[in-house]
């Protein structure tokens, strides 16, 4: 993978907006629907997510 195409993440993850989404997810989605890690995606493209 080209270095210029890798993400440069400079904030603590998950960010404040993602935390809001994750809080709603935990409140309204069944706990039987498990997740390996917290992931909130606004958009994605290519193989790198």
PDB file of N, CA and C in Angstrom:
ATOM      1  N   UNK A   1       0.849  -1.175   0.000  1.00  0.00           N
ATOM      2  CA  UNK A   1       0.000   0.000   0.000  1.00  0.00           C
ATOM      3  C   UNK A   1       0.891   1.232   0.000  1.00  0.00           C
ATOM      4  N   UNK A   2       0.522   2.186  -0.802  1.00  0.00           N
ATOM      5  CA  UNK A   2       1.295   3.421  -0.858  1.00  0.00           C
ATOM      6  C   UNK A   2       1.138   4.201   0.443  1.00  0.00           C
ATOM      7  N   UNK A   3       2.240   4.766   0.907  1.00  0.00           N
ATOM      8  CA  UNK A   3       2.206   5.509   2.164  1.00  0.00           C
ATOM      9  C   UNK A   3       1.267   6.708   2.091  1.00  0.00           C
ATOM     10  N   UNK A   4       1.200   7.386   0.951  1.00  0.00           N
ATOM     11  CA  UNK A   4       0.350   8.572   0.837  1.00  0.00           C
ATOM     12  C   UNK A   4      -1.135   8.232   0.833  1.00  0.00           C
ATOM     13  N   UNK A   5      -1.482   6.963   0.752  1.00  0.00           N
ATOM     14  CA  UNK A   5      -2.888   6.563   0.737  1.00  0.00           C
ATOM     15  C   UNK A   5      -3.346   5.976   2.068  1.00  0.00           C
ATOM     16  N   UNK A   6      -2.455   5.895   3.023  1.00  0.00           N
ATOM     17  CA  UNK A   6      -2.852   5.370   4.327  1.00  0.00           C
ATOM     18  C   UNK A   6      -3.442   6.496   5.169  1.00  0.00           C
ATOM     19  N   UNK A   7      -4.415   6.179   6.019  1.00  0.00           N
ATOM     20  CA  UNK A   7      -5.037   7.232   6.822  1.00  0.00           C
ATOM     21  C   UNK A   7      -4.080   7.788   7.872  1.00  0.00           C
ATOM     22  N   UNK A   8      -4.186   9.072   8.120  1.00  0.00           N
ATOM     23  CA  UNK A   8      -3.414   9.736   9.165  1.00  0.00           C
ATOM     24  C   UNK A   8      -4.409  10.177  10.232  1.00  0.00           C
ATOM     25  N   UNK A   9      -4.501   9.408  11.276  1.00  0.00           N
ATOM     26  CA  UNK A   9      -5.471   9.670  12.338  1.00  0.00           C
ATOM     27  C   UNK A   9      -4.749  10.390  13.462  1.00  0.00           C
ATOM     28  N   UNK A  10      -5.222  11.599  13.781  1.00  0.00           N
ATOM     29  CA  UNK A  10      -4.529  12.428  14.767  1.00  0.00           C
ATOM     30  C   UNK A  10      -5.394  12.748  15.982  1.00  0.00           C
ATOM     31  N   UNK A  11      -6.514  12.077  16.121  1.00  0.00           N
ATOM     32  CA  UNK A  11      -7.393  12.320  17.259  1.00  0.00           C
ATOM     33  C   UNK A  11      -7.600  11.030  18.035  1.00  0.00           C
ATOM     34  N   UNK A  12      -8.117  11.169  19.236  1.00  0.00           N
ATOM     35  CA  UNK A  12      -8.473  10.001  20.029  1.00  0.00           C
ATOM     36  C   UNK A  12      -9.683   9.335  19.382  1.00  0.00           C
ATOM     37  N   UNK A  13      -9.680   8.026  19.343  1.00  0.00           N
ATOM     38  CA  UNK A  13     -10.792   7.296  18.737  1.00  0.00           C
ATOM     39  C   UNK A  13     -11.540   6.512  19.796  1.00  0.00           C
ATOM     40  N   UNK A  14     -12.830   6.381  19.700  1.00  0.00           N
ATOM     41  CA  UNK A  14     -13.697   7.075  18.758  1.00  0.00           C
ATOM     42  C   UNK A  14     -13.828   8.545  19.124  1.00  0.00           C
ATOM     43  N   UNK A  15     -14.079   9.357  18.118  1.00  0.00           N
ATOM     44  CA  UNK A  15     -14.243  10.794  18.302  1.00  0.00           C
ATOM     45  C   UNK A  15     -15.580  11.124  18.944  1.00  0.00           C
ATOM     46  N   UNK A  16     -15.825  12.392  19.240  1.00  0.00           N
ATOM     47  CA  UNK A  16     -17.052  12.781  19.942  1.00  0.00           C
ATOM     48  C   UNK A  16     -18.333  12.449  19.177  1.00  0.00           C
ATOM     49  N   UNK A  17     -18.345  12.643  17.877  1.00  0.00           N
ATOM     50  CA  UNK A  17     -19.551  12.333  17.094  1.00  0.00           C
ATOM     51  C   UNK A  17     -19.781  10.826  17.036  1.00  0.00           C
ATOM     52  N   UNK A  18     -18.709  10.076  16.869  1.00  0.00           N
ATOM     53  CA  UNK A  18     -18.832   8.613  16.836  1.00  0.00           C
ATOM     54  C   UNK A  18     -19.315   8.089  18.183  1.00  0.00           C
ATOM     55  N   UNK A  19     -18.847   8.697  19.275  1.00  0.00           N
ATOM     56  CA  UNK A  19     -19.296   8.273  20.606  1.00  0.00           C
ATOM     57  C   UNK A  19     -20.801   8.443  20.756  1.00  0.00           C
ATOM     58  N   UNK A  20     -21.344   9.540  20.211  1.00  0.00           N
ATOM     59  CA  UNK A  20     -22.797   9.761  20.269  1.00  0.00           C
ATOM     60  C   UNK A  20     -23.535   8.645  19.540  1.00  0.00           C
ATOM     61  N   UNK A  21     -23.036   8.274  18.371  1.00  0.00           N
ATOM     62  CA  UNK A  21     -23.658   7.202  17.591  1.00  0.00           C
ATOM     63  C   UNK A  21     -23.570   5.880  18.351  1.00  0.00           C
ATOM     64  N   UNK A  22     -22.415   5.602  18.941  1.00  0.00           N
ATOM     65  CA  UNK A  22     -22.233   4.355  19.682  1.00  0.00           C
ATOM     66  C   UNK A  22     -23.133   4.298  20.913  1.00  0.00           C
ATOM     67  N   UNK A  23     -23.345   5.430  21.574  1.00  0.00           N
ATOM     68  CA  UNK A  23     -24.246   5.467  22.730  1.00  0.00           C
ATOM     69  C   UNK A  23     -25.675   5.140  22.308  1.00  0.00           C
ATOM     70  N   UNK A  24     -26.123   5.716  21.191  1.00  0.00           N
ATOM     71  CA  UNK A  24     -27.465   5.407  20.682  1.00  0.00           C
ATOM     72  C   UNK A  24     -27.558   3.942  20.280  1.00  0.00           C
ATOM     73  N   UNK A  25     -26.508   3.435  19.656  1.00  0.00           N
ATOM     74  CA  UNK A  25     -26.476   2.041  19.236  1.00  0.00           C
ATOM     75  C   UNK A  25     -26.638   1.125  20.442  1.00  0.00           C
ATOM     76  N   UNK A  26     -25.903   1.417  21.502  1.00  0.00           N
ATOM     77  CA  UNK A  26     -25.970   0.589  22.702  1.00  0.00           C
ATOM     78  C   UNK A  26     -27.354   0.671  23.348  1.00  0.00           C
ATOM     79  N   UNK A  27     -27.974   1.835  23.269  1.00  0.00           N
ATOM     80  CA  UNK A  27     -29.282   2.037  23.896  1.00  0.00           C
ATOM     81  C   UNK A  27     -30.409   1.338  23.134  1.00  0.00           C
ATOM     82  N   UNK A  28     -30.343   1.355  21.793  1.00  0.00           N
ATOM     83  CA  UNK A  28     -31.480   0.910  21.000  1.00  0.00           C
ATOM     84  C   UNK A  28     -31.314  -0.425  20.273  1.00  0.00           C
ATOM     85  N   UNK A  29     -30.091  -0.930  20.141  1.00  0.00           N
ATOM     86  CA  UNK A  29     -29.875  -2.185  19.420  1.00  0.00           C
ATOM     87  C   UNK A  29     -29.690  -3.314  20.427  1.00  0.00           C
ATOM     88  N   UNK A  30     -30.268  -4.458  20.131  1.00  0.00           N
ATOM     89  CA  UNK A  30     -30.198  -5.613  21.020  1.00  0.00           C
ATOM     90  C   UNK A  30     -28.759  -5.969  21.371  1.00  0.00           C
ATOM     91  N   UNK A  31     -28.529  -6.279  22.641  1.00  0.00           N
ATOM     92  CA  UNK A  31     -27.198  -6.676  23.095  1.00  0.00           C
ATOM     93  C   UNK A  31     -26.780  -8.027  22.514  1.00  0.00           C
ATOM     94  N   UNK A  32     -27.747  -8.782  21.964  1.00  0.00           N
ATOM     95  CA  UNK A  32     -27.393 -10.056  21.339  1.00  0.00           C
ATOM     96  C   UNK A  32     -26.692  -9.846  19.998  1.00  0.00           C
ATOM     97  N   UNK A  33     -26.766  -8.623  19.461  1.00  0.00           N
ATOM     98  CA  UNK A  33     -26.046  -8.274  18.235  1.00  0.00           C
ATOM     99  C   UNK A  33     -24.687  -7.739  18.663  1.00  0.00           C
ATOM    100  N   UNK A  34     -23.718  -8.632  18.761  1.00  0.00           N
ATOM    101  CA  UNK A  34     -22.416  -8.257  19.319  1.00  0.00           C
ATOM    102  C   UNK A  34     -21.515  -7.603  18.282  1.00  0.00           C
ATOM    103  N   UNK A  35     -20.548  -6.844  18.780  1.00  0.00           N
ATOM    104  CA  UNK A  35     -19.554  -6.185  17.939  1.00  0.00           C
ATOM    105  C   UNK A  35     -18.175  -6.472  18.514  1.00  0.00           C
ATOM    106  N   UNK A  36     -17.211  -6.689  17.646  1.00  0.00           N
ATOM    107  CA  UNK A  36     -15.852  -6.962  18.095  1.00  0.00           C
ATOM    108  C   UNK A  36     -15.178  -5.679  18.557  1.00  0.00           C
ATOM    109  N   UNK A  37     -15.470  -4.565  17.882  1.00  0.00           N
ATOM    110  CA  UNK A  37     -14.881  -3.275  18.223  1.00  0.00           C
ATOM    111  C   UNK A  37     -15.840  -2.170  17.799  1.00  0.00           C
ATOM    112  N   UNK A  38     -15.755  -0.999  18.419  1.00  0.00           N
ATOM    113  CA  UNK A  38     -16.641   0.103  18.046  1.00  0.00           C
ATOM    114  C   UNK A  38     -16.230   0.692  16.701  1.00  0.00           C
ATOM    115  N   UNK A  39     -17.156   0.725  15.759  1.00  0.00           N
ATOM    116  CA  UNK A  39     -16.859   1.265  14.436  1.00  0.00           C
ATOM    117  C   UNK A  39     -18.055   2.059  13.945  1.00  0.00           C
ATOM    118  N   UNK A  40     -17.823   3.321  13.605  1.00  0.00           N
ATOM    119  CA  UNK A  40     -18.845   4.185  13.023  1.00  0.00           C
ATOM    120  C   UNK A  40     -18.274   4.682  11.707  1.00  0.00           C
ATOM    121  N   UNK A  41     -18.972   4.402  10.610  1.00  0.00           N
ATOM    122  CA  UNK A  41     -18.466   4.748   9.283  1.00  0.00           C
ATOM    123  C   UNK A  41     -19.388   5.767   8.633  1.00  0.00           C
ATOM    124  N   UNK A  42     -18.829   6.905   8.255  1.00  0.00           N
ATOM    125  CA  UNK A  42     -19.594   7.904   7.516  1.00  0.00           C
ATOM    126  C   UNK A  42     -19.572   7.578   6.031  1.00  0.00           C
ATOM    127  N   UNK A  43     -18.397   7.190   5.530  1.00  0.00           N
ATOM    128  CA  UNK A  43     -18.260   6.731   4.147  1.00  0.00           C
ATOM    129  C   UNK A  43     -16.997   5.898   4.049  1.00  0.00           C
ATOM    130  N   UNK A  44     -16.935   5.055   3.044  1.00  0.00           N
ATOM    131  CA  UNK A  44     -15.756   4.212   2.838  1.00  0.00           C
ATOM    132  C   UNK A  44     -15.533   4.046   1.344  1.00  0.00           C
ATOM    133  N   UNK A  45     -14.297   3.783   0.997  1.00  0.00           N
ATOM    134  CA  UNK A  45     -13.950   3.600  -0.405  1.00  0.00           C
ATOM    135  C   UNK A  45     -12.706   2.728  -0.472  1.00  0.00           C
ATOM    136  N   UNK A  46     -12.669   1.794  -1.386  1.00  0.00           N
ATOM    137  CA  UNK A  46     -11.498   0.939  -1.540  1.00  0.00           C
ATOM    138  C   UNK A  46     -11.406  -0.121  -0.458  1.00  0.00           C
ATOM    139  N   UNK A  47     -10.252  -0.720  -0.352  1.00  0.00           N
ATOM    140  CA  UNK A  47     -10.056  -1.828   0.583  1.00  0.00           C
ATOM    141  C   UNK A  47      -9.708  -1.361   1.989  1.00  0.00           C
ATOM    142  N   UNK A  48      -9.224  -0.150   2.150  1.00  0.00           N
ATOM    143  CA  UNK A  48      -8.818   0.355   3.463  1.00  0.00           C
ATOM    144  C   UNK A  48     -10.008   0.994   4.148  1.00  0.00           C
ATOM    145  N   UNK A  49     -10.449   0.392   5.257  1.00  0.00           N
ATOM    146  CA  UNK A  49     -11.570   0.955   6.005  1.00  0.00           C
ATOM    147  C   UNK A  49     -11.073   1.322   7.380  1.00  0.00           C
TER     148      UNK A  49
END
